Amino acid sequence: MSFAGLALVGRIAAKHGGELRVRPVVALRLPRAPN
Protein backbone atom coordinates (compact mmCIF):
# COMPACT_ATOMS: atom_id res chain seq x y z
CA MET A 1 0.00 0.00 0.00
CA SER A 2 1.28 3.44 -0.87
CA PHE A 3 1.86 6.27 1.59
CA ALA A 4 -1.28 7.96 0.29
CA GLY A 5 -3.21 4.77 0.99
CA LEU A 6 -1.91 4.63 4.56
CA ALA A 7 -2.80 8.30 5.05
CA LEU A 8 -6.31 7.65 3.76
CA VAL A 9 -6.75 4.70 6.14
CA GLY A 10 -5.52 6.88 9.02
CA ARG A 11 -7.98 9.62 8.11
CA ILE A 12 -10.92 7.23 7.94
CA ALA A 13 -9.87 5.67 11.26
CA ALA A 14 -9.61 9.09 12.89
CA LYS A 15 -13.04 10.00 11.51
CA HIS A 16 -14.53 6.96 13.21
CA GLY A 17 -12.60 7.66 16.40
CA GLY A 18 -10.76 4.34 16.23
CA GLU A 19 -7.32 5.30 14.95
CA LEU A 20 -5.52 3.52 17.79
CA ARG A 21 -7.74 0.52 17.23
CA VAL A 22 -7.16 0.28 13.46
CA ARG A 23 -3.40 0.85 13.40
CA PRO A 24 -2.46 -2.54 14.92
CA VAL A 25 -4.85 -4.28 12.53
CA VAL A 26 -3.23 -2.58 9.54
CA ALA A 27 0.20 -3.47 10.91
CA LEU A 28 -0.82 -7.12 11.18
CA ARG A 29 -2.31 -7.17 7.68
CA LEU A 30 0.64 -5.36 6.11
CA PRO A 31 3.72 -6.60 8.00
CA ARG A 32 5.95 -5.69 5.05
CA ALA A 33 4.49 -2.21 4.53
CA PRO A 34 7.24 0.45 4.42
CA ASN A 35 7.19 2.90 7.31
PDB file of N, CA and C in Angstrom:
ATOM      1  N   MET A   1       0.843  -1.189   0.000  1.00  0.00           N
ATOM      2  CA  MET A   1       0.000   0.000   0.000  1.00  0.00           C
ATOM      3  C   MET A   1       0.883   1.246   0.000  1.00  0.00           C
ATOM      4  N   SER A   2       0.487   2.210  -0.776  1.00  0.00           N
ATOM      5  CA  SER A   2       1.283   3.441  -0.873  1.00  0.00           C
ATOM      6  C   SER A   2       1.093   4.327   0.352  1.00  0.00           C
ATOM      7  N   PHE A   3       1.959   5.333   0.461  1.00  0.00           N
ATOM      8  CA  PHE A   3       1.860   6.269   1.593  1.00  0.00           C
ATOM      9  C   PHE A   3       0.499   6.950   1.588  1.00  0.00           C
ATOM     10  N   ALA A   4       0.025   7.300   0.403  1.00  0.00           N
ATOM     11  CA  ALA A   4      -1.281   7.961   0.287  1.00  0.00           C
ATOM     12  C   ALA A   4      -2.377   7.033   0.806  1.00  0.00           C
ATOM     13  N   GLY A   5      -2.229   5.751   0.519  1.00  0.00           N
ATOM     14  CA  GLY A   5      -3.209   4.773   0.988  1.00  0.00           C
ATOM     15  C   GLY A   5      -3.220   4.704   2.506  1.00  0.00           C
ATOM     16  N   LEU A   6      -2.014   4.683   3.096  1.00  0.00           N
ATOM     17  CA  LEU A   6      -1.912   4.628   4.561  1.00  0.00           C
ATOM     18  C   LEU A   6      -2.512   5.887   5.173  1.00  0.00           C
ATOM     19  N   ALA A   7      -2.262   7.035   4.549  1.00  0.00           N
ATOM     20  CA  ALA A   7      -2.796   8.299   5.053  1.00  0.00           C
ATOM     21  C   ALA A   7      -4.323   8.273   4.996  1.00  0.00           C
ATOM     22  N   LEU A   8      -4.860   7.722   3.908  1.00  0.00           N
ATOM     23  CA  LEU A   8      -6.311   7.647   3.760  1.00  0.00           C
ATOM     24  C   LEU A   8      -6.904   6.764   4.849  1.00  0.00           C
ATOM     25  N   VAL A   9      -6.269   5.618   5.099  1.00  0.00           N
ATOM     26  CA  VAL A   9      -6.748   4.705   6.143  1.00  0.00           C
ATOM     27  C   VAL A   9      -6.719   5.408   7.495  1.00  0.00           C
ATOM     28  N   GLY A  10      -5.641   6.160   7.746  1.00  0.00           N
ATOM     29  CA  GLY A  10      -5.524   6.880   9.015  1.00  0.00           C
ATOM     30  C   GLY A  10      -6.626   7.913   9.166  1.00  0.00           C
ATOM     31  N   ARG A  11      -6.932   8.581   8.076  1.00  0.00           N
ATOM     32  CA  ARG A  11      -7.980   9.621   8.111  1.00  0.00           C
ATOM     33  C   ARG A  11      -9.340   9.005   8.400  1.00  0.00           C
ATOM     34  N   ILE A  12      -9.640   7.904   7.724  1.00  0.00           N
ATOM     35  CA  ILE A  12     -10.922   7.227   7.945  1.00  0.00           C
ATOM     36  C   ILE A  12     -11.009   6.734   9.385  1.00  0.00           C
ATOM     37  N   ALA A  13      -9.904   6.181   9.881  1.00  0.00           N
ATOM     38  CA  ALA A  13      -9.873   5.667  11.258  1.00  0.00           C
ATOM     39  C   ALA A  13     -10.113   6.805  12.243  1.00  0.00           C
ATOM     40  N   ALA A  14      -9.454   7.936  12.002  1.00  0.00           N
ATOM     41  CA  ALA A  14      -9.606   9.088  12.895  1.00  0.00           C
ATOM     42  C   ALA A  14     -11.053   9.593  12.853  1.00  0.00           C
ATOM     43  N   LYS A  15     -11.653   9.540  11.664  1.00  0.00           N
ATOM     44  CA  LYS A  15     -13.040   9.997  11.509  1.00  0.00           C
ATOM     45  C   LYS A  15     -13.971   9.155  12.374  1.00  0.00           C
ATOM     46  N   HIS A  16     -13.689   7.863  12.441  1.00  0.00           N
ATOM     47  CA  HIS A  16     -14.530   6.956  13.213  1.00  0.00           C
ATOM     48  C   HIS A  16     -14.079   6.871  14.669  1.00  0.00           C
ATOM     49  N   GLY A  17     -13.063   7.650  15.025  1.00  0.00           N
ATOM     50  CA  GLY A  17     -12.596   7.664  16.404  1.00  0.00           C
ATOM     51  C   GLY A  17     -11.955   6.354  16.825  1.00  0.00           C
ATOM     52  N   GLY A  18     -11.383   5.629  15.867  1.00  0.00           N
ATOM     53  CA  GLY A  18     -10.760   4.343  16.226  1.00  0.00           C
ATOM     54  C   GLY A  18      -9.372   4.209  15.637  1.00  0.00           C
ATOM     55  N   GLU A  19      -8.661   5.322  15.535  1.00  0.00           N
ATOM     56  CA  GLU A  19      -7.323   5.295  14.945  1.00  0.00           C
ATOM     57  C   GLU A  19      -6.418   4.312  15.676  1.00  0.00           C
ATOM     58  N   LEU A  20      -6.400   4.392  17.004  1.00  0.00           N
ATOM     59  CA  LEU A  20      -5.523   3.518  17.788  1.00  0.00           C
ATOM     60  C   LEU A  20      -5.958   2.062  17.667  1.00  0.00           C
ATOM     61  N   ARG A  21      -7.208   1.867  17.333  1.00  0.00           N
ATOM     62  CA  ARG A  21      -7.738   0.516  17.227  1.00  0.00           C
ATOM     63  C   ARG A  21      -7.432  -0.085  15.848  1.00  0.00           C
ATOM     64  N   VAL A  22      -7.367   0.762  14.829  1.00  0.00           N
ATOM     65  CA  VAL A  22      -7.156   0.281  13.463  1.00  0.00           C
ATOM     66  C   VAL A  22      -5.680   0.072  13.154  1.00  0.00           C
ATOM     67  N   ARG A  23      -4.825   0.930  13.703  1.00  0.00           N
ATOM     68  CA  ARG A  23      -3.397   0.851  13.401  1.00  0.00           C
ATOM     69  C   ARG A  23      -2.803  -0.543  13.583  1.00  0.00           C
ATOM     70  N   PRO A  24      -3.022  -1.206  14.738  1.00  0.00           N
ATOM     71  CA  PRO A  24      -2.459  -2.545  14.916  1.00  0.00           C
ATOM     72  C   PRO A  24      -3.006  -3.548  13.905  1.00  0.00           C
ATOM     73  N   VAL A  25      -4.253  -3.376  13.514  1.00  0.00           N
ATOM     74  CA  VAL A  25      -4.851  -4.284  12.527  1.00  0.00           C
ATOM     75  C   VAL A  25      -4.154  -4.114  11.185  1.00  0.00           C
ATOM     76  N   VAL A  26      -3.914  -2.866  10.801  1.00  0.00           N
ATOM     77  CA  VAL A  26      -3.231  -2.581   9.538  1.00  0.00           C
ATOM     78  C   VAL A  26      -1.813  -3.132   9.588  1.00  0.00           C
ATOM     79  N   ALA A  27      -1.169  -2.982  10.752  1.00  0.00           N
ATOM     80  CA  ALA A  27       0.200  -3.468  10.909  1.00  0.00           C
ATOM     81  C   ALA A  27       0.241  -4.986  10.759  1.00  0.00           C
ATOM     82  N   LEU A  28      -0.775  -5.658  11.266  1.00  0.00           N
ATOM     83  CA  LEU A  28      -0.816  -7.119  11.177  1.00  0.00           C
ATOM     84  C   LEU A  28      -1.112  -7.559   9.746  1.00  0.00           C
ATOM     85  N   ARG A  29      -1.950  -6.810   9.060  1.00  0.00           N
ATOM     86  CA  ARG A  29      -2.312  -7.171   7.683  1.00  0.00           C
ATOM     87  C   ARG A  29      -1.195  -6.833   6.700  1.00  0.00           C
ATOM     88  N   LEU A  30      -0.434  -5.778   7.012  1.00  0.00           N
ATOM     89  CA  LEU A  30       0.640  -5.355   6.112  1.00  0.00           C
ATOM     90  C   LEU A  30       1.972  -5.337   6.856  1.00  0.00           C
ATOM     91  N   PRO A  31       2.473  -6.527   7.232  1.00  0.00           N
ATOM     92  CA  PRO A  31       3.722  -6.600   7.999  1.00  0.00           C
ATOM     93  C   PRO A  31       4.926  -6.093   7.222  1.00  0.00           C
ATOM     94  N   ARG A  32       4.815  -6.101   5.880  1.00  0.00           N
ATOM     95  CA  ARG A  32       5.948  -5.685   5.049  1.00  0.00           C
ATOM     96  C   ARG A  32       5.779  -4.263   4.532  1.00  0.00           C
ATOM     97  N   ALA A  33       4.732  -3.576   4.992  1.00  0.00           N
ATOM     98  CA  ALA A  33       4.492  -2.209   4.526  1.00  0.00           C
ATOM     99  C   ALA A  33       5.619  -1.289   4.974  1.00  0.00           C
ATOM    100  N   PRO A  34       6.149  -0.470   4.071  1.00  0.00           N
ATOM    101  CA  PRO A  34       7.239   0.450   4.424  1.00  0.00           C
ATOM    102  C   PRO A  34       6.762   1.550   5.354  1.00  0.00           C
ATOM    103  N   ASN A  35       7.537   1.823   6.374  1.00  0.00           N
ATOM    104  CA  ASN A  35       7.193   2.896   7.309  1.00  0.00           C
ATOM    105  C   ASN A  35       7.971   4.117   6.895  1.00  0.00           C
TER     106      ASN A  35
END
